[in-house]
């Protein structure tokens, strides 16, 4: 089912070849070849990143997504079978999502899509995952609120609370309201005014968006931002431990190793992270990340 591309192309007047995201049924990471034939003889889409077998298995298990590009380079498609990578610990009910599907018109063809309440949450989750680095992602949320004014806010808040992503939703609404004047309910607006954590994160994002293009946030700054965006201490701890130890495509691209030597990537990842954050002394990454947050929390309580 579609979660982004087919809905927002018409309402925000953007090209229809914009990147589309899809959510697959099920919670286990399947082999992409079991669902998508990536050979150009039968399918014009091919993987964006080339992995060996062990790298691909680790990527699917951690990120729960597989990126494809059409051979002409004009259409990108991401296959997802969960809403977020495992280290974010966002617990959405997949059965409930599928029960709420509704038909959406895509260039004269009816496809199954999420209702507007779920789309809003997915947009906020997607923006948060990428640190809201693109203004267009905030614009998407603002356009949704402008075009779809009959929103079931009670259902939105109930689902968000159950998934443990209330801070993420509130941050997305704050950015849409402050930057694009999106209309939000009075009760949520009052909550945003009294939520100091969300206000600080919103100010940080606005400052980041106003920077020059060559001054992107550092690795440690991005990870700390995501840590502050989780309200549950258990989720904070899980992220601070699992994210630094999760291999990425950048780790695999650093050095090509055969499958037999794949475990060496876990030894190379701390070295790569240290090179990316040269300003900090080299200590175990998860300890430093969670320790920095703990120190800030202690100072704030004093």
C-alpha atoms as a PDB file:
ATOM      1  CA  UNK A   1       0.000   0.000   0.000  1.00  0.00           C
ATOM      2  CA  UNK A   2       1.148   3.518  -0.661  1.00  0.00           C
ATOM      3  CA  UNK A   3       2.121   5.763   2.247  1.00  0.00           C
ATOM      4  CA  UNK A   4       3.456   8.938   0.608  1.00  0.00           C
ATOM      5  CA  UNK A   5       3.998   9.431  -3.091  1.00  0.00           C
ATOM      6  CA  UNK A   6       0.564   8.911  -4.593  1.00  0.00           C
ATOM      7  CA  UNK A   7      -1.238  11.205  -2.188  1.00  0.00           C
ATOM      8  CA  UNK A   8       1.033  14.202  -2.093  1.00  0.00           C
ATOM      9  CA  UNK A   9       1.830  14.576  -5.747  1.00  0.00           C
ATOM     10  CA  UNK A  10      -1.640  15.945  -6.610  1.00  0.00           C
ATOM     11  CA  UNK A  11      -2.234  18.060  -3.493  1.00  0.00           C
ATOM     12  CA  UNK A  12       1.153  19.796  -3.480  1.00  0.00           C
ATOM     13  CA  UNK A  13       1.408  19.999  -7.304  1.00  0.00           C
ATOM     14  CA  UNK A  14       4.708  18.149  -7.479  1.00  0.00           C
ATOM     15  CA  UNK A  15       5.875  15.802 -10.270  1.00  0.00           C
ATOM     16  CA  UNK A  16       4.263  12.403 -10.228  1.00  0.00           C
ATOM     17  CA  UNK A  17       7.691  10.714 -10.431  1.00  0.00           C
ATOM     18  CA  UNK A  18       8.448  11.752  -6.874  1.00  0.00           C
ATOM     19  CA  UNK A  19       9.834   9.006  -4.652  1.00  0.00           C
ATOM     20  CA  UNK A  20       7.058   6.653  -3.524  1.00  0.00           C
ATOM     21  CA  UNK A  21       7.012   4.595  -0.353  1.00  0.00           C
ATOM     22  CA  UNK A  22       5.186   1.322   0.132  1.00  0.00           C
ATOM     23  CA  UNK A  23       4.432  -0.771   3.184  1.00  0.00           C
ATOM     24  CA  UNK A  24       4.403  -4.522   2.900  1.00  0.00           C
ATOM     25  CA  UNK A  25       2.360  -6.852   5.061  1.00  0.00           C
ATOM     26  CA  UNK A  26       4.291  -8.802   7.676  1.00  0.00           C
ATOM     27  CA  UNK A  27       6.997  -8.112  10.236  1.00  0.00           C
ATOM     28  CA  UNK A  28       9.809 -10.362   9.064  1.00  0.00           C
ATOM     29  CA  UNK A  29      12.452  -9.162   6.655  1.00  0.00           C
ATOM     30  CA  UNK A  30      12.007 -11.067   3.405  1.00  0.00           C
ATOM     31  CA  UNK A  31      14.550 -11.350   0.668  1.00  0.00           C
ATOM     32  CA  UNK A  32      13.812  -8.647  -1.897  1.00  0.00           C
ATOM     33  CA  UNK A  33      14.116 -11.240  -4.638  1.00  0.00           C
ATOM     34  CA  UNK A  34      11.133 -13.066  -3.123  1.00  0.00           C
ATOM     35  CA  UNK A  35       8.870 -10.091  -3.843  1.00  0.00           C
ATOM     36  CA  UNK A  36      10.640  -8.073  -6.550  1.00  0.00           C
ATOM     37  CA  UNK A  37      12.449  -9.472  -9.544  1.00  0.00           C
ATOM     38  CA  UNK A  38      15.290  -6.965  -9.928  1.00  0.00           C
ATOM     39  CA  UNK A  39      16.538  -8.311 -13.253  1.00  0.00           C
ATOM     40  CA  UNK A  40      16.144  -5.720 -15.995  1.00  0.00           C
ATOM     41  CA  UNK A  41      14.799  -8.325 -18.378  1.00  0.00           C
ATOM     42  CA  UNK A  42      11.525  -8.579 -16.465  1.00  0.00           C
ATOM     43  CA  UNK A  43      11.447  -5.440 -14.298  1.00  0.00           C
ATOM     44  CA  UNK A  44      12.748  -1.913 -15.027  1.00  0.00           C
ATOM     45  CA  UNK A  45      13.603  -1.389 -11.336  1.00  0.00           C
ATOM     46  CA  UNK A  46      16.977  -2.320  -9.887  1.00  0.00           C
ATOM     47  CA  UNK A  47      18.517  -1.933  -6.384  1.00  0.00           C
ATOM     48  CA  UNK A  48      20.002   1.469  -5.624  1.00  0.00           C
ATOM     49  CA  UNK A  49      22.749  -0.086  -3.497  1.00  0.00           C
ATOM     50  CA  UNK A  50      24.636  -3.235  -4.356  1.00  0.00           C
ATOM     51  CA  UNK A  51      25.121  -5.577  -1.378  1.00  0.00           C
ATOM     52  CA  UNK A  52      26.725  -8.945  -0.992  1.00  0.00           C
ATOM     53  CA  UNK A  53      24.514 -11.626   0.561  1.00  0.00           C
ATOM     54  CA  UNK A  54      25.616 -11.030   4.177  1.00  0.00           C
ATOM     55  CA  UNK A  55      25.404  -7.243   3.822  1.00  0.00           C
ATOM     56  CA  UNK A  56      21.921  -7.465   2.342  1.00  0.00           C
ATOM     57  CA  UNK A  57      20.697  -9.735   5.149  1.00  0.00           C
ATOM     58  CA  UNK A  58      21.999  -7.342   7.827  1.00  0.00           C
ATOM     59  CA  UNK A  59      20.495  -4.326   6.050  1.00  0.00           C
ATOM     60  CA  UNK A  60      17.048  -5.908   5.743  1.00  0.00           C
ATOM     61  CA  UNK A  61      17.040  -7.045   9.367  1.00  0.00           C
ATOM     62  CA  UNK A  62      17.908  -3.593  10.746  1.00  0.00           C
ATOM     63  CA  UNK A  63      16.301  -1.099   8.354  1.00  0.00           C
ATOM     64  CA  UNK A  64      13.254  -3.104   7.175  1.00  0.00           C
ATOM     65  CA  UNK A  65      13.392  -1.415   3.777  1.00  0.00           C
ATOM     66  CA  UNK A  66      14.753  -1.939   0.280  1.00  0.00           C
ATOM     67  CA  UNK A  67      15.341   0.887  -2.202  1.00  0.00           C
ATOM     68  CA  UNK A  68      14.808   0.500  -5.938  1.00  0.00           C
ATOM     69  CA  UNK A  69      15.369   2.877  -8.869  1.00  0.00           C
ATOM     70  CA  UNK A  70      13.844   2.715 -12.324  1.00  0.00           C
ATOM     71  CA  UNK A  71      16.462   2.228 -15.005  1.00  0.00           C
ATOM     72  CA  UNK A  72      15.855   5.720 -16.440  1.00  0.00           C
ATOM     73  CA  UNK A  73      16.642   7.250 -13.024  1.00  0.00           C
ATOM     74  CA  UNK A  74      13.349   9.157 -12.803  1.00  0.00           C
ATOM     75  CA  UNK A  75      11.381   7.027 -10.333  1.00  0.00           C
ATOM     76  CA  UNK A  76      12.583   5.726  -6.967  1.00  0.00           C
ATOM     77  CA  UNK A  77      10.580   3.316  -4.854  1.00  0.00           C
ATOM     78  CA  UNK A  78      11.185   2.128  -1.291  1.00  0.00           C
ATOM     79  CA  UNK A  79       9.692  -1.159  -0.147  1.00  0.00           C
ATOM     80  CA  UNK A  80       8.944  -1.132   3.601  1.00  0.00           C
ATOM     81  CA  UNK A  81       7.523  -3.834   5.853  1.00  0.00           C
ATOM     82  CA  UNK A  82       7.662  -1.752   9.070  1.00  0.00           C
ATOM     83  CA  UNK A  83       7.185   1.958   9.616  1.00  0.00           C
ATOM     84  CA  UNK A  84      10.661   2.612  11.032  1.00  0.00           C
ATOM     85  CA  UNK A  85      14.010   0.835  11.447  1.00  0.00           C
ATOM     86  CA  UNK A  86      14.148  -1.481  14.448  1.00  0.00           C
ATOM     87  CA  UNK A  87      16.405   0.758  16.556  1.00  0.00           C
ATOM     88  CA  UNK A  88      13.720   3.487  16.749  1.00  0.00           C
ATOM     89  CA  UNK A  89      11.416   1.151  18.697  1.00  0.00           C
ATOM     90  CA  UNK A  90       8.205   2.606  17.213  1.00  0.00           C
ATOM     91  CA  UNK A  91       5.461   0.051  17.801  1.00  0.00           C
ATOM     92  CA  UNK A  92       2.694   0.536  15.238  1.00  0.00           C
ATOM     93  CA  UNK A  93      -0.011  -2.106  14.937  1.00  0.00           C
ATOM     94  CA  UNK A  94       0.367  -3.560  11.402  1.00  0.00           C
ATOM     95  CA  UNK A  95      -2.982  -5.349  11.585  1.00  0.00           C
ATOM     96  CA  UNK A  96      -4.741  -2.103  12.447  1.00  0.00           C
ATOM     97  CA  UNK A  97      -3.034  -0.323   9.560  1.00  0.00           C
ATOM     98  CA  UNK A  98      -4.250  -2.872   7.050  1.00  0.00           C
ATOM     99  CA  UNK A  99      -7.786  -2.783   8.457  1.00  0.00           C
ATOM    100  CA  UNK A 100      -7.914   0.997   7.933  1.00  0.00           C
ATOM    101  CA  UNK A 101      -6.836   0.969   4.271  1.00  0.00           C
ATOM    102  CA  UNK A 102      -8.967   2.926   1.856  1.00  0.00           C
ATOM    103  CA  UNK A 103      -8.938   3.269  -1.966  1.00  0.00           C
ATOM    104  CA  UNK A 104      -6.935   6.165  -3.420  1.00  0.00           C
ATOM    105  CA  UNK A 105      -6.997   7.281  -7.047  1.00  0.00           C
ATOM    106  CA  UNK A 106      -3.614   7.077  -8.797  1.00  0.00           C
ATOM    107  CA  UNK A 107      -3.830   8.413 -12.359  1.00  0.00           C
ATOM    108  CA  UNK A 108      -7.194   6.757 -12.849  1.00  0.00           C
ATOM    109  CA  UNK A 109      -6.275   3.544 -11.019  1.00  0.00           C
ATOM    110  CA  UNK A 110      -7.571   2.704  -7.552  1.00  0.00           C
ATOM    111  CA  UNK A 111      -4.832   1.615  -5.132  1.00  0.00           C
ATOM    112  CA  UNK A 112      -4.974   0.941  -1.409  1.00  0.00           C
ATOM    113  CA  UNK A 113      -3.624   3.701   0.792  1.00  0.00           C
ATOM    114  CA  UNK A 114      -3.609   4.857   4.376  1.00  0.00           C
ATOM    115  CA  UNK A 115      -6.266   7.244   5.701  1.00  0.00           C
ATOM    116  CA  UNK A 116      -5.222  10.826   6.339  1.00  0.00           C
ATOM    117  CA  UNK A 117      -4.701  10.275  10.083  1.00  0.00           C
ATOM    118  CA  UNK A 118      -2.146   7.512   9.468  1.00  0.00           C
ATOM    119  CA  UNK A 119      -0.496   9.471   6.658  1.00  0.00           C
ATOM    120  CA  UNK A 120       0.072  12.387   9.032  1.00  0.00           C
ATOM    121  CA  UNK A 121       1.826  10.144  11.549  1.00  0.00           C
ATOM    122  CA  UNK A 122       3.894   8.476   8.824  1.00  0.00           C
ATOM    123  CA  UNK A 123       5.027  11.863   7.523  1.00  0.00           C
ATOM    124  CA  UNK A 124       6.156  12.909  10.991  1.00  0.00           C
ATOM    125  CA  UNK A 125       7.969   9.603  11.513  1.00  0.00           C
ATOM    126  CA  UNK A 126       9.700   9.890   8.150  1.00  0.00           C
ATOM    127  CA  UNK A 127      10.797  13.472   8.761  1.00  0.00           C
ATOM    128  CA  UNK A 128      12.077  12.651  12.223  1.00  0.00           C
ATOM    129  CA  UNK A 129      14.007   9.622  10.942  1.00  0.00           C
ATOM    130  CA  UNK A 130      15.911  11.878   8.545  1.00  0.00           C
ATOM    131  CA  UNK A 131      16.291  14.794  10.971  1.00  0.00           C
ATOM    132  CA  UNK A 132      13.842  16.992   9.004  1.00  0.00           C
ATOM    133  CA  UNK A 133      16.715  17.845   6.681  1.00  0.00           C
ATOM    134  CA  UNK A 134      14.380  18.812   3.813  1.00  0.00           C
ATOM    135  CA  UNK A 135      11.882  21.634   3.985  1.00  0.00           C
ATOM    136  CA  UNK A 136       9.637  19.765   1.551  1.00  0.00           C
ATOM    137  CA  UNK A 137       8.878  17.082   4.160  1.00  0.00           C
ATOM    138  CA  UNK A 138       7.490  19.744   6.500  1.00  0.00           C
ATOM    139  CA  UNK A 139       5.553  21.246   3.590  1.00  0.00           C
ATOM    140  CA  UNK A 140       3.961  17.833   2.966  1.00  0.00           C
ATOM    141  CA  UNK A 141       2.517  17.779   6.476  1.00  0.00           C
ATOM    142  CA  UNK A 142       1.302  21.372   6.201  1.00  0.00           C
ATOM    143  CA  UNK A 143      -0.382  20.631   2.850  1.00  0.00           C
ATOM    144  CA  UNK A 144      -2.089  17.578   4.284  1.00  0.00           C
ATOM    145  CA  UNK A 145      -3.503  19.660   7.137  1.00  0.00           C
ATOM    146  CA  UNK A 146      -4.657  22.313   4.660  1.00  0.00           C
ATOM    147  CA  UNK A 147      -6.297  19.942   2.162  1.00  0.00           C
ATOM    148  CA  UNK A 148      -7.712  17.408   4.646  1.00  0.00           C
ATOM    149  CA  UNK A 149      -9.330  19.517   7.340  1.00  0.00           C
ATOM    150  CA  UNK A 150     -11.664  16.832   8.722  1.00  0.00           C
ATOM    151  CA  UNK A 151      -9.019  15.040  10.731  1.00  0.00           C
ATOM    152  CA  UNK A 152      -9.919  12.598  13.502  1.00  0.00           C
ATOM    153  CA  UNK A 153      -7.524  14.111  16.023  1.00  0.00           C
ATOM    154  CA  UNK A 154      -8.685  11.818  18.791  1.00  0.00           C
ATOM    155  CA  UNK A 155      -7.678   8.803  16.714  1.00  0.00           C
ATOM    156  CA  UNK A 156      -4.369  10.430  15.741  1.00  0.00           C
ATOM    157  CA  UNK A 157      -3.408  11.100  19.355  1.00  0.00           C
ATOM    158  CA  UNK A 158      -4.557   7.670  20.531  1.00  0.00           C
ATOM    159  CA  UNK A 159      -2.505   5.817  17.914  1.00  0.00           C
ATOM    160  CA  UNK A 160       0.511   8.071  18.456  1.00  0.00           C
ATOM    161  CA  UNK A 161       0.404   7.555  22.216  1.00  0.00           C
ATOM    162  CA  UNK A 162       0.197   3.792  21.770  1.00  0.00           C
ATOM    163  CA  UNK A 163       3.202   3.765  19.436  1.00  0.00           C
ATOM    164  CA  UNK A 164       5.352   5.834  21.803  1.00  0.00           C
ATOM    165  CA  UNK A 165       5.905   8.606  19.242  1.00  0.00           C
ATOM    166  CA  UNK A 166       3.973  11.535  20.708  1.00  0.00           C
ATOM    167  CA  UNK A 167       7.016  13.813  20.772  1.00  0.00           C
ATOM    168  CA  UNK A 168       7.686  13.017  17.103  1.00  0.00           C
ATOM    169  CA  UNK A 169       4.127  13.923  16.093  1.00  0.00           C
ATOM    170  CA  UNK A 170       4.109  17.140  18.115  1.00  0.00           C
ATOM    171  CA  UNK A 171       7.428  18.204  16.608  1.00  0.00           C
ATOM    172  CA  UNK A 172       6.090  17.685  13.082  1.00  0.00           C
ATOM    173  CA  UNK A 173       2.964  19.706  13.870  1.00  0.00           C
ATOM    174  CA  UNK A 174       5.033  22.471  15.454  1.00  0.00           C
ATOM    175  CA  UNK A 175       7.261  22.798  12.378  1.00  0.00           C
ATOM    176  CA  UNK A 176       4.267  22.749  10.009  1.00  0.00           C
ATOM    177  CA  UNK A 177       2.534  25.431  12.060  1.00  0.00           C
ATOM    178  CA  UNK A 178       5.537  27.721  12.573  1.00  0.00           C
ATOM    179  CA  UNK A 179       7.041  27.481   9.076  1.00  0.00           C
ATOM    180  CA  UNK A 180       3.930  27.145   6.897  1.00  0.00           C
ATOM    181  CA  UNK A 181       1.102  28.429   9.086  1.00  0.00           C
ATOM    182  CA  UNK A 182      -0.674  25.081   9.201  1.00  0.00           C
ATOM    183  CA  UNK A 183      -3.874  25.140  11.252  1.00  0.00           C
ATOM    184  CA  UNK A 184      -3.874  22.750  14.205  1.00  0.00           C
ATOM    185  CA  UNK A 185      -6.492  22.246  16.944  1.00  0.00           C
ATOM    186  CA  UNK A 186      -6.417  24.685  19.835  1.00  0.00           C
ATOM    187  CA  UNK A 187      -5.813  21.944  22.385  1.00  0.00           C
ATOM    188  CA  UNK A 188      -2.711  20.708  20.567  1.00  0.00           C
ATOM    189  CA  UNK A 189      -1.487  24.285  20.055  1.00  0.00           C
ATOM    190  CA  UNK A 190      -1.704  24.898  23.796  1.00  0.00           C
ATOM    191  CA  UNK A 191       0.136  21.668  24.469  1.00  0.00           C
ATOM    192  CA  UNK A 192       2.938  22.737  22.137  1.00  0.00           C
ATOM    193  CA  UNK A 193       3.314  26.013  24.018  1.00  0.00           C
ATOM    194  CA  UNK A 194       3.816  24.202  27.325  1.00  0.00           C
ATOM    195  CA  UNK A 195       6.023  21.345  26.062  1.00  0.00           C
ATOM    196  CA  UNK A 196       9.566  22.609  26.588  1.00  0.00           C
ATOM    197  CA  UNK A 197      11.226  19.552  25.019  1.00  0.00           C
ATOM    198  CA  UNK A 198       9.298  19.831  21.745  1.00  0.00           C
ATOM    199  CA  UNK A 199       9.861  23.598  21.657  1.00  0.00           C
ATOM    200  CA  UNK A 200      13.632  23.143  22.002  1.00  0.00           C
ATOM    201  CA  UNK A 201      13.695  20.512  19.261  1.00  0.00           C
ATOM    202  CA  UNK A 202      11.641  22.778  16.998  1.00  0.00           C
ATOM    203  CA  UNK A 203      14.025  25.682  17.529  1.00  0.00           C
ATOM    204  CA  UNK A 204      16.953  23.382  16.771  1.00  0.00           C
ATOM    205  CA  UNK A 205      15.364  22.232  13.514  1.00  0.00           C
ATOM    206  CA  UNK A 206      14.534  25.766  12.408  1.00  0.00           C
ATOM    207  CA  UNK A 207      18.123  26.840  13.059  1.00  0.00           C
ATOM    208  CA  UNK A 208      19.411  23.809  11.171  1.00  0.00           C
ATOM    209  CA  UNK A 209      17.192  24.514   8.151  1.00  0.00           C
ATOM    210  CA  UNK A 210      18.437  28.106   8.018  1.00  0.00           C
ATOM    211  CA  UNK A 211      22.075  27.018   7.770  1.00  0.00           C
ATOM    212  CA  UNK A 212      24.034  26.957   4.568  1.00  0.00           C
ATOM    213  CA  UNK A 213      23.871  23.792   2.513  1.00  0.00           C
ATOM    214  CA  UNK A 214      27.481  22.887   3.334  1.00  0.00           C
ATOM    215  CA  UNK A 215      26.936  23.027   7.118  1.00  0.00           C
ATOM    216  CA  UNK A 216      24.941  19.838   7.606  1.00  0.00           C
ATOM    217  CA  UNK A 217      24.581  18.502  11.175  1.00  0.00           C
ATOM    218  CA  UNK A 218      27.348  16.270  12.496  1.00  0.00           C
ATOM    219  CA  UNK A 219      26.785  12.598  13.185  1.00  0.00           C
ATOM    220  CA  UNK A 220      26.757  13.015  16.953  1.00  0.00           C
ATOM    221  CA  UNK A 221      24.388  16.004  16.719  1.00  0.00           C
ATOM    222  CA  UNK A 222      21.919  14.000  14.613  1.00  0.00           C
ATOM    223  CA  UNK A 223      21.963  11.003  16.959  1.00  0.00           C
ATOM    224  CA  UNK A 224      21.504  13.198  20.003  1.00  0.00           C
ATOM    225  CA  UNK A 225      18.546  14.924  18.340  1.00  0.00           C
ATOM    226  CA  UNK A 226      16.860  11.590  17.730  1.00  0.00           C
ATOM    227  CA  UNK A 227      17.544  10.548  21.299  1.00  0.00           C
ATOM    228  CA  UNK A 228      15.848  13.665  22.647  1.00  0.00           C
ATOM    229  CA  UNK A 229      12.831  12.975  20.462  1.00  0.00           C
ATOM    230  CA  UNK A 230      11.965   9.752  22.312  1.00  0.00           C
ATOM    231  CA  UNK A 231       9.896  10.208  25.473  1.00  0.00           C
ATOM    232  CA  UNK A 232      10.271   6.727  26.965  1.00  0.00           C
ATOM    233  CA  UNK A 233      13.577   6.024  28.820  1.00  0.00           C
ATOM    234  CA  UNK A 234      13.498   2.443  27.531  1.00  0.00           C
ATOM    235  CA  UNK A 235      13.291   3.685  23.935  1.00  0.00           C
ATOM    236  CA  UNK A 236      16.125   6.147  24.583  1.00  0.00           C
ATOM    237  CA  UNK A 237      18.313   3.370  25.929  1.00  0.00           C
ATOM    238  CA  UNK A 238      17.457   1.039  23.064  1.00  0.00           C
ATOM    239  CA  UNK A 239      18.299   3.691  20.493  1.00  0.00           C
ATOM    240  CA  UNK A 240      21.563   4.711  22.171  1.00  0.00           C
ATOM    241  CA  UNK A 241      22.720   1.077  22.209  1.00  0.00           C
ATOM    242  CA  UNK A 242      21.388  -0.278  18.926  1.00  0.00           C
ATOM    243  CA  UNK A 243      21.871   2.662  16.543  1.00  0.00           C
ATOM    244  CA  UNK A 244      25.647   2.990  16.973  1.00  0.00           C
ATOM    245  CA  UNK A 245      26.097  -0.741  16.455  1.00  0.00           C
ATOM    246  CA  UNK A 246      23.816  -1.025  13.405  1.00  0.00           C
ATOM    247  CA  UNK A 247      25.712  -1.304  10.144  1.00  0.00           C
ATOM    248  CA  UNK A 248      24.800   1.099   7.352  1.00  0.00           C
ATOM    249  CA  UNK A 249      25.454   1.218   3.622  1.00  0.00           C
ATOM    250  CA  UNK A 250      28.284   3.662   4.356  1.00  0.00           C
ATOM    251  CA  UNK A 251      30.017   1.108   6.542  1.00  0.00           C
ATOM    252  CA  UNK A 252      29.817  -1.520   3.813  1.00  0.00           C
ATOM    253  CA  UNK A 253      31.017   0.946   1.169  1.00  0.00           C
ATOM    254  CA  UNK A 254      34.077   1.837   3.255  1.00  0.00           C
ATOM    255  CA  UNK A 255      35.727  -1.474   2.448  1.00  0.00           C
ATOM    256  CA  UNK A 256      34.570  -4.381   0.316  1.00  0.00           C
ATOM    257  CA  UNK A 257      34.833  -7.608   2.281  1.00  0.00           C
ATOM    258  CA  UNK A 258      33.755 -11.129   1.326  1.00  0.00           C
ATOM    259  CA  UNK A 259      30.906 -12.776   3.232  1.00  0.00           C
ATOM    260  CA  UNK A 260      33.360 -14.824   5.299  1.00  0.00           C
ATOM    261  CA  UNK A 261      34.871 -11.614   6.739  1.00  0.00           C
ATOM    262  CA  UNK A 262      31.561  -9.782   7.191  1.00  0.00           C
ATOM    263  CA  UNK A 263      31.848  -9.634  11.056  1.00  0.00           C
ATOM    264  CA  UNK A 264      34.839  -7.312  10.616  1.00  0.00           C
ATOM    265  CA  UNK A 265      32.429  -4.542   9.609  1.00  0.00           C
ATOM    266  CA  UNK A 266      31.295  -4.335  13.246  1.00  0.00           C
ATOM    267  CA  UNK A 267      34.906  -3.601  14.233  1.00  0.00           C
ATOM    268  CA  UNK A 268      35.308  -1.016  11.486  1.00  0.00           C
ATOM    269  CA  UNK A 269      32.105   0.878  12.322  1.00  0.00           C
ATOM    270  CA  UNK A 270      33.396   2.516  15.564  1.00  0.00           C
ATOM    271  CA  UNK A 271      36.504   3.650  13.677  1.00  0.00           C
ATOM    272  CA  UNK A 272      34.391   5.152  10.912  1.00  0.00           C
ATOM    273  CA  UNK A 273      32.144   6.946  13.416  1.00  0.00           C
ATOM    274  CA  UNK A 274      35.191   8.303  15.211  1.00  0.00           C
ATOM    275  CA  UNK A 275      36.538   9.713  11.952  1.00  0.00           C
ATOM    276  CA  UNK A 276      33.164  11.351  11.271  1.00  0.00           C
ATOM    277  CA  UNK A 277      33.020  13.068  14.667  1.00  0.00           C
ATOM    278  CA  UNK A 278      36.665  14.041  15.097  1.00  0.00           C
ATOM    279  CA  UNK A 279      35.866  16.668  17.709  1.00  0.00           C
ATOM    280  CA  UNK A 280      35.093  14.054  20.400  1.00  0.00           C
ATOM    281  CA  UNK A 281      37.520  11.679  22.147  1.00  0.00           C
ATOM    282  CA  UNK A 282      37.280   8.021  21.197  1.00  0.00           C
ATOM    283  CA  UNK A 283      35.249   6.088  23.746  1.00  0.00           C
ATOM    284  CA  UNK A 284      32.585   3.416  23.229  1.00  0.00           C
ATOM    285  CA  UNK A 285      29.923   5.152  21.152  1.00  0.00           C
ATOM    286  CA  UNK A 286      26.816   3.962  22.950  1.00  0.00           C
ATOM    287  CA  UNK A 287      28.248   4.864  26.361  1.00  0.00           C
ATOM    288  CA  UNK A 288      29.188   8.337  25.195  1.00  0.00           C
ATOM    289  CA  UNK A 289      25.861   8.978  23.481  1.00  0.00           C
ATOM    290  CA  UNK A 290      23.715   7.954  26.438  1.00  0.00           C
ATOM    291  CA  UNK A 291      26.168   9.556  28.893  1.00  0.00           C
ATOM    292  CA  UNK A 292      25.856  12.926  27.148  1.00  0.00           C
ATOM    293  CA  UNK A 293      22.087  12.754  27.408  1.00  0.00           C
ATOM    294  CA  UNK A 294      22.234  11.734  31.087  1.00  0.00           C
ATOM    295  CA  UNK A 295      24.493  14.678  31.932  1.00  0.00           C
ATOM    296  CA  UNK A 296      22.124  17.116  30.238  1.00  0.00           C
ATOM    297  CA  UNK A 297      19.167  15.610  32.094  1.00  0.00           C
ATOM    298  CA  UNK A 298      20.932  15.923  35.488  1.00  0.00           C
ATOM    299  CA  UNK A 299      21.871  19.561  34.823  1.00  0.00           C
ATOM    300  CA  UNK A 300      18.289  20.359  33.809  1.00  0.00           C
ATOM    301  CA  UNK A 301      16.846  18.893  37.014  1.00  0.00           C
ATOM    302  CA  UNK A 302      19.277  20.899  39.148  1.00  0.00           C
END
